[in-house]
PDB file of all heavy atoms in Angstrom:
ATOM      1  N   PRO A   1       0.740  -1.253  -0.059  1.00  0.00           N
ATOM      2  CA  PRO A   1      -0.029  -0.082  -0.068  1.00  0.00           C
ATOM      3  C   PRO A   1       0.842   1.304  -0.044  1.00  0.00           C
ATOM      4  O   PRO A   1       0.705   2.058  -0.955  1.00  0.00           O
ATOM      5  CB  PRO A   1      -0.879  -0.112   1.253  1.00  0.00           C
ATOM      6  CG  PRO A   1      -0.360  -1.181   2.107  1.00  0.00           C
ATOM      7  CD  PRO A   1       0.483  -1.979   1.152  1.00  0.00           C
ATOM      8  N   ARG A   2       1.543   1.533   1.058  1.00  0.00           N
ATOM      9  CA  ARG A   2       2.301   2.878   1.140  1.00  0.00           C
ATOM     10  C   ARG A   2       3.224   2.799   2.303  1.00  0.00           C
ATOM     11  O   ARG A   2       3.119   1.888   3.230  1.00  0.00           O
ATOM     12  CB  ARG A   2       1.381   4.070   1.273  1.00  0.00           C
ATOM     13  CG  ARG A   2       0.539   4.076   2.540  1.00  0.00           C
ATOM     14  CD  ARG A   2      -0.320   5.299   2.596  1.00  0.00           C
ATOM     15  NE  ARG A   2      -1.076   5.418   3.875  1.00  0.00           N
ATOM     16  CZ  ARG A   2      -2.246   4.844   4.058  1.00  0.00           C
ATOM     17  NH1 ARG A   2      -2.862   4.207   3.101  1.00  0.00           N
ATOM     18  NH2 ARG A   2      -2.911   5.008   5.218  1.00  0.00           N
ATOM     19  N   THR A   3       4.121   3.799   2.360  1.00  0.00           N
ATOM     20  CA  THR A   3       5.083   3.854   3.508  1.00  0.00           C
ATOM     21  C   THR A   3       4.361   3.754   4.843  1.00  0.00           C
ATOM     22  O   THR A   3       3.343   4.394   5.016  1.00  0.00           O
ATOM     23  CB  THR A   3       5.830   5.105   3.408  1.00  0.00           C
ATOM     24  OG1 THR A   3       6.473   5.178   2.165  1.00  0.00           O
ATOM     25  CG2 THR A   3       6.896   5.305   4.584  1.00  0.00           C
ATOM     26  N   GLY A   4       4.849   2.953   5.682  1.00  0.00           N
ATOM     27  CA  GLY A   4       4.378   2.735   7.040  1.00  0.00           C
ATOM     28  C   GLY A   4       3.351   1.626   7.132  1.00  0.00           C
ATOM     29  O   GLY A   4       2.928   1.201   8.248  1.00  0.00           O
ATOM     30  N   LEU A   5       2.959   0.962   6.131  1.00  0.00           N
ATOM     31  CA  LEU A   5       2.053  -0.182   6.051  1.00  0.00           C
ATOM     32  C   LEU A   5       2.714  -1.325   5.364  1.00  0.00           C
ATOM     33  O   LEU A   5       3.728  -1.201   4.644  1.00  0.00           O
ATOM     34  CB  LEU A   5       0.750   0.207   5.267  1.00  0.00           C
ATOM     35  CG  LEU A   5      -0.098   1.249   5.821  1.00  0.00           C
ATOM     36  CD1 LEU A   5      -1.227   1.641   4.906  1.00  0.00           C
ATOM     37  CD2 LEU A   5      -0.538   0.898   7.266  1.00  0.00           C
ATOM     38  N   ALA A   6       2.229  -2.498   5.823  1.00  0.00           N
ATOM     39  CA  ALA A   6       2.779  -3.764   5.280  1.00  0.00           C
ATOM     40  C   ALA A   6       1.960  -4.273   4.045  1.00  0.00           C
ATOM     41  O   ALA A   6       0.817  -3.830   3.868  1.00  0.00           O
ATOM     42  CB  ALA A   6       2.816  -4.803   6.419  1.00  0.00           C
ATOM     43  N   ILE A   7       2.509  -5.155   3.316  1.00  0.00           N
ATOM     44  CA  ILE A   7       1.812  -5.821   2.215  1.00  0.00           C
ATOM     45  C   ILE A   7       0.614  -6.538   2.890  1.00  0.00           C
ATOM     46  O   ILE A   7       0.664  -7.202   3.931  1.00  0.00           O
ATOM     47  CB  ILE A   7       2.769  -6.891   1.566  1.00  0.00           C
ATOM     48  CG1 ILE A   7       3.823  -6.104   0.850  1.00  0.00           C
ATOM     49  CG2 ILE A   7       1.960  -7.737   0.547  1.00  0.00           C
ATOM     50  CD1 ILE A   7       4.961  -6.908   0.330  1.00  0.00           C
ATOM     51  N   ARG A   8      -0.580  -6.377   2.194  1.00  0.00           N
ATOM     52  CA  ARG A   8      -1.797  -6.815   2.776  1.00  0.00           C
ATOM     53  C   ARG A   8      -2.843  -7.236   1.688  1.00  0.00           C
ATOM     54  O   ARG A   8      -2.588  -6.959   0.566  1.00  0.00           O
ATOM     55  CB  ARG A   8      -2.433  -5.704   3.626  1.00  0.00           C
ATOM     56  CG  ARG A   8      -2.823  -4.422   2.811  1.00  0.00           C
ATOM     57  CD  ARG A   8      -3.317  -3.304   3.589  1.00  0.00           C
ATOM     58  NE  ARG A   8      -3.823  -2.242   2.780  1.00  0.00           N
ATOM     59  CZ  ARG A   8      -4.133  -1.071   3.138  1.00  0.00           C
ATOM     60  NH1 ARG A   8      -3.971  -0.730   4.449  1.00  0.00           N
ATOM     61  NH2 ARG A   8      -4.551  -0.131   2.342  1.00  0.00           N
ATOM     62  N   ILE A   9      -3.928  -7.825   2.155  1.00  0.00           N
ATOM     63  CA  ILE A   9      -5.046  -8.027   1.278  1.00  0.00           C
ATOM     64  C   ILE A   9      -6.043  -7.016   1.563  1.00  0.00           C
ATOM     65  O   ILE A   9      -6.411  -6.710   2.732  1.00  0.00           O
ATOM     66  CB  ILE A   9      -5.555  -9.491   1.584  1.00  0.00           C
ATOM     67  CG1 ILE A   9      -4.522 -10.560   1.215  1.00  0.00           C
ATOM     68  CG2 ILE A   9      -6.940  -9.676   0.833  1.00  0.00           C
ATOM     69  CD1 ILE A   9      -4.930 -11.980   1.524  1.00  0.00           C
ATOM     70  N   SER A  10      -6.564  -6.361   0.445  1.00  0.00           N
ATOM     71  CA  SER A  10      -7.588  -5.290   0.617  1.00  0.00           C
ATOM     72  C   SER A  10      -8.856  -5.714  -0.074  1.00  0.00           C
ATOM     73  O   SER A  10      -8.883  -6.593  -0.943  1.00  0.00           O
ATOM     74  CB  SER A  10      -7.037  -3.991   0.035  1.00  0.00           C
ATOM     75  OG  SER A  10      -5.853  -3.631   0.819  1.00  0.00           O
ATOM     76  N   GLN A  11      -9.899  -5.046   0.172  1.00  0.00           N
ATOM     77  CA  GLN A  11     -11.275  -5.315  -0.431  1.00  0.00           C
ATOM     78  C   GLN A  11     -11.514  -4.276  -1.595  1.00  0.00           C
ATOM     79  O   GLN A  11     -11.569  -3.163  -1.414  1.00  0.00           O
ATOM     80  CB  GLN A  11     -12.281  -5.037   0.595  1.00  0.00           C
ATOM     81  CG  GLN A  11     -12.326  -6.021   1.711  1.00  0.00           C
ATOM     82  CD  GLN A  11     -12.703  -7.426   1.342  1.00  0.00           C
ATOM     83  OE1 GLN A  11     -11.981  -8.428   1.590  1.00  0.00           O
ATOM     84  NE2 GLN A  11     -13.712  -7.627   0.509  1.00  0.00           N
ATOM     85  N   LEU A  12     -11.606  -4.899  -2.814  1.00  0.00           N
ATOM     86  CA  LEU A  12     -11.764  -4.080  -3.972  1.00  0.00           C
ATOM     87  C   LEU A  12     -13.124  -3.340  -3.967  1.00  0.00           C
ATOM     88  O   LEU A  12     -13.259  -2.307  -4.535  1.00  0.00           O
ATOM     89  CB  LEU A  12     -11.771  -5.040  -5.222  1.00  0.00           C
ATOM     90  CG  LEU A  12     -11.935  -4.423  -6.581  1.00  0.00           C
ATOM     91  CD1 LEU A  12     -10.797  -3.302  -6.863  1.00  0.00           C
ATOM     92  CD2 LEU A  12     -11.929  -5.395  -7.705  1.00  0.00           C
ATOM     93  N   ASP A  13     -14.116  -3.969  -3.264  1.00  0.00           N
ATOM     94  CA  ASP A  13     -15.456  -3.292  -3.279  1.00  0.00           C
ATOM     95  C   ASP A  13     -15.556  -2.152  -2.206  1.00  0.00           C
ATOM     96  O   ASP A  13     -16.576  -1.491  -2.003  1.00  0.00           O
ATOM     97  CB  ASP A  13     -16.548  -4.225  -3.129  1.00  0.00           C
ATOM     98  CG  ASP A  13     -16.367  -5.291  -1.980  1.00  0.00           C
ATOM     99  OD1 ASP A  13     -15.385  -5.093  -1.240  1.00  0.00           O
ATOM    100  OD2 ASP A  13     -17.199  -6.209  -1.890  1.00  0.00           O
ATOM    101  N   ALA A  14     -14.460  -1.860  -1.527  1.00  0.00           N
ATOM    102  CA  ALA A  14     -14.400  -0.747  -0.546  1.00  0.00           C
ATOM    103  C   ALA A  14     -14.594   0.523  -1.302  1.00  0.00           C
ATOM    104  O   ALA A  14     -13.963   0.631  -2.432  1.00  0.00           O
ATOM    105  CB  ALA A  14     -13.087  -0.776   0.268  1.00  0.00           C
ATOM    106  N   PRO A  15     -15.204   1.512  -0.848  1.00  0.00           N
ATOM    107  CA  PRO A  15     -15.484   2.791  -1.512  1.00  0.00           C
ATOM    108  C   PRO A  15     -14.159   3.487  -2.023  1.00  0.00           C
ATOM    109  O   PRO A  15     -14.078   3.913  -3.126  1.00  0.00           O
ATOM    110  CB  PRO A  15     -16.154   3.642  -0.578  1.00  0.00           C
ATOM    111  CG  PRO A  15     -16.917   2.746   0.361  1.00  0.00           C
ATOM    112  CD  PRO A  15     -16.033   1.552   0.484  1.00  0.00           C
ATOM    113  N   PHE A  16     -13.201   3.491  -1.240  1.00  0.00           N
ATOM    114  CA  PHE A  16     -11.841   4.082  -1.670  1.00  0.00           C
ATOM    115  C   PHE A  16     -11.389   3.448  -2.997  1.00  0.00           C
ATOM    116  O   PHE A  16     -11.012   4.259  -3.916  1.00  0.00           O
ATOM    117  CB  PHE A  16     -10.779   3.991  -0.610  1.00  0.00           C
ATOM    118  CG  PHE A  16      -9.441   4.536  -0.983  1.00  0.00           C
ATOM    119  CD1 PHE A  16      -9.310   5.914  -0.858  1.00  0.00           C
ATOM    120  CD2 PHE A  16      -8.533   3.713  -1.600  1.00  0.00           C
ATOM    121  CE1 PHE A  16      -8.008   6.427  -1.212  1.00  0.00           C
ATOM    122  CE2 PHE A  16      -7.317   4.272  -1.998  1.00  0.00           C
ATOM    123  CZ  PHE A  16      -7.076   5.620  -1.802  1.00  0.00           C
ATOM    124  N   TRP A  17     -11.364   2.179  -3.009  1.00  0.00           N
ATOM    125  CA  TRP A  17     -10.784   1.483  -4.189  1.00  0.00           C
ATOM    126  C   TRP A  17     -11.648   1.704  -5.434  1.00  0.00           C
ATOM    127  O   TRP A  17     -11.257   1.863  -6.514  1.00  0.00           O
ATOM    128  CB  TRP A  17     -10.504   0.002  -3.836  1.00  0.00           C
ATOM    129  CG  TRP A  17      -9.419  -0.153  -2.844  1.00  0.00           C
ATOM    130  CD1 TRP A  17      -9.565  -0.574  -1.611  1.00  0.00           C
ATOM    131  CD2 TRP A  17      -8.126   0.315  -2.947  1.00  0.00           C
ATOM    132  NE1 TRP A  17      -8.446  -0.565  -0.984  1.00  0.00           N
ATOM    133  CE2 TRP A  17      -7.498  -0.002  -1.692  1.00  0.00           C
ATOM    134  CE3 TRP A  17      -7.327   0.883  -3.969  1.00  0.00           C
ATOM    135  CZ2 TRP A  17      -6.106   0.273  -1.455  1.00  0.00           C
ATOM    136  CZ3 TRP A  17      -5.982   1.199  -3.686  1.00  0.00           C
ATOM    137  CH2 TRP A  17      -5.426   0.929  -2.462  1.00  0.00           C
ATOM    138  N   GLN A  18     -12.982   1.665  -5.210  1.00  0.00           N
ATOM    139  CA  GLN A  18     -13.931   1.856  -6.310  1.00  0.00           C
ATOM    140  C   GLN A  18     -13.768   3.285  -6.785  1.00  0.00           C
ATOM    141  O   GLN A  18     -13.870   3.428  -8.100  1.00  0.00           O
ATOM    142  CB  GLN A  18     -15.382   1.635  -5.817  1.00  0.00           C
ATOM    143  CG  GLN A  18     -15.693   0.189  -5.568  1.00  0.00           C
ATOM    144  CD  GLN A  18     -15.598  -0.680  -6.731  1.00  0.00           C
ATOM    145  OE1 GLN A  18     -16.210  -0.461  -7.683  1.00  0.00           O
ATOM    146  NE2 GLN A  18     -14.711  -1.757  -6.646  1.00  0.00           N
ATOM    147  N   GLN A  19     -13.586   4.262  -6.038  1.00  0.00           N
ATOM    148  CA  GLN A  19     -13.450   5.654  -6.505  1.00  0.00           C
ATOM    149  C   GLN A  19     -12.133   5.827  -7.259  1.00  0.00           C
ATOM    150  O   GLN A  19     -12.133   6.706  -8.154  1.00  0.00           O
ATOM    151  CB  GLN A  19     -13.530   6.594  -5.293  1.00  0.00           C
ATOM    152  CG  GLN A  19     -14.765   6.705  -4.647  1.00  0.00           C
ATOM    153  CD  GLN A  19     -14.652   7.438  -3.214  1.00  0.00           C
ATOM    154  OE1 GLN A  19     -13.613   7.864  -2.834  1.00  0.00           O
ATOM    155  NE2 GLN A  19     -15.769   7.415  -2.474  1.00  0.00           N
ATOM    156  N   HIS A  20     -11.133   5.036  -6.967  1.00  0.00           N
ATOM    157  CA  HIS A  20      -9.789   5.321  -7.663  1.00  0.00           C
ATOM    158  C   HIS A  20      -9.504   4.183  -8.716  1.00  0.00           C
ATOM    159  O   HIS A  20      -8.425   4.291  -9.314  1.00  0.00           O
ATOM    160  CB  HIS A  20      -8.708   5.262  -6.553  1.00  0.00           C
ATOM    161  CG  HIS A  20      -8.793   6.465  -5.614  1.00  0.00           C
ATOM    162  ND1 HIS A  20      -8.382   7.661  -5.970  1.00  0.00           N
ATOM    163  CD2 HIS A  20      -9.381   6.585  -4.401  1.00  0.00           C
ATOM    164  CE1 HIS A  20      -8.617   8.560  -5.012  1.00  0.00           C
ATOM    165  NE2 HIS A  20      -9.288   7.930  -4.029  1.00  0.00           N
ATOM    166  N   PHE A  21     -10.444   3.279  -9.048  1.00  0.00           N
ATOM    167  CA  PHE A  21     -10.127   2.219  -9.894  1.00  0.00           C
ATOM    168  C   PHE A  21      -9.976   2.764 -11.262  1.00  0.00           C
ATOM    169  O   PHE A  21     -10.676   3.576 -11.814  1.00  0.00           O
ATOM    170  CB  PHE A  21     -11.319   1.224  -9.821  1.00  0.00           C
ATOM    171  CG  PHE A  21     -11.086  -0.058 -10.667  1.00  0.00           C
ATOM    172  CD1 PHE A  21     -10.231  -0.941 -10.276  1.00  0.00           C
ATOM    173  CD2 PHE A  21     -11.756  -0.104 -11.882  1.00  0.00           C
ATOM    174  CE1 PHE A  21     -10.011  -2.146 -11.116  1.00  0.00           C
ATOM    175  CE2 PHE A  21     -11.593  -1.321 -12.707  1.00  0.00           C
ATOM    176  CZ  PHE A  21     -10.643  -2.302 -12.314  1.00  0.00           C
ATOM    177  N   ALA A  22      -8.887   2.246 -11.963  1.00  0.00           N
ATOM    178  CA  ALA A  22      -8.543   2.820 -13.329  1.00  0.00           C
ATOM    179  C   ALA A  22      -8.699   1.735 -14.399  1.00  0.00           C
ATOM    180  O   ALA A  22      -8.754   2.069 -15.577  1.00  0.00           O
ATOM    181  CB  ALA A  22      -7.166   3.449 -13.263  1.00  0.00           C
ATOM    182  N   GLY A  23      -8.698   0.447 -13.915  1.00  0.00           N
ATOM    183  CA  GLY A  23      -8.814  -0.648 -14.979  1.00  0.00           C
ATOM    184  C   GLY A  23      -8.064  -1.926 -14.553  1.00  0.00           C
ATOM    185  O   GLY A  23      -7.408  -1.909 -13.463  1.00  0.00           O
ATOM    186  N   ALA A  24      -8.189  -2.912 -15.351  1.00  0.00           N
ATOM    187  CA  ALA A  24      -7.524  -4.182 -15.088  1.00  0.00           C
ATOM    188  C   ALA A  24      -6.894  -4.781 -16.288  1.00  0.00           C
ATOM    189  O   ALA A  24      -7.325  -4.510 -17.463  1.00  0.00           O
ATOM    190  CB  ALA A  24      -8.619  -5.200 -14.493  1.00  0.00           C
TER     191      ALA A  24
END
């Protein structure tokens, strides 16, 4: 994710990721 965080599993359907999704 970013500095200060570890590699993780995230939820694609979370609003943040939906708002920033650019493609696959």
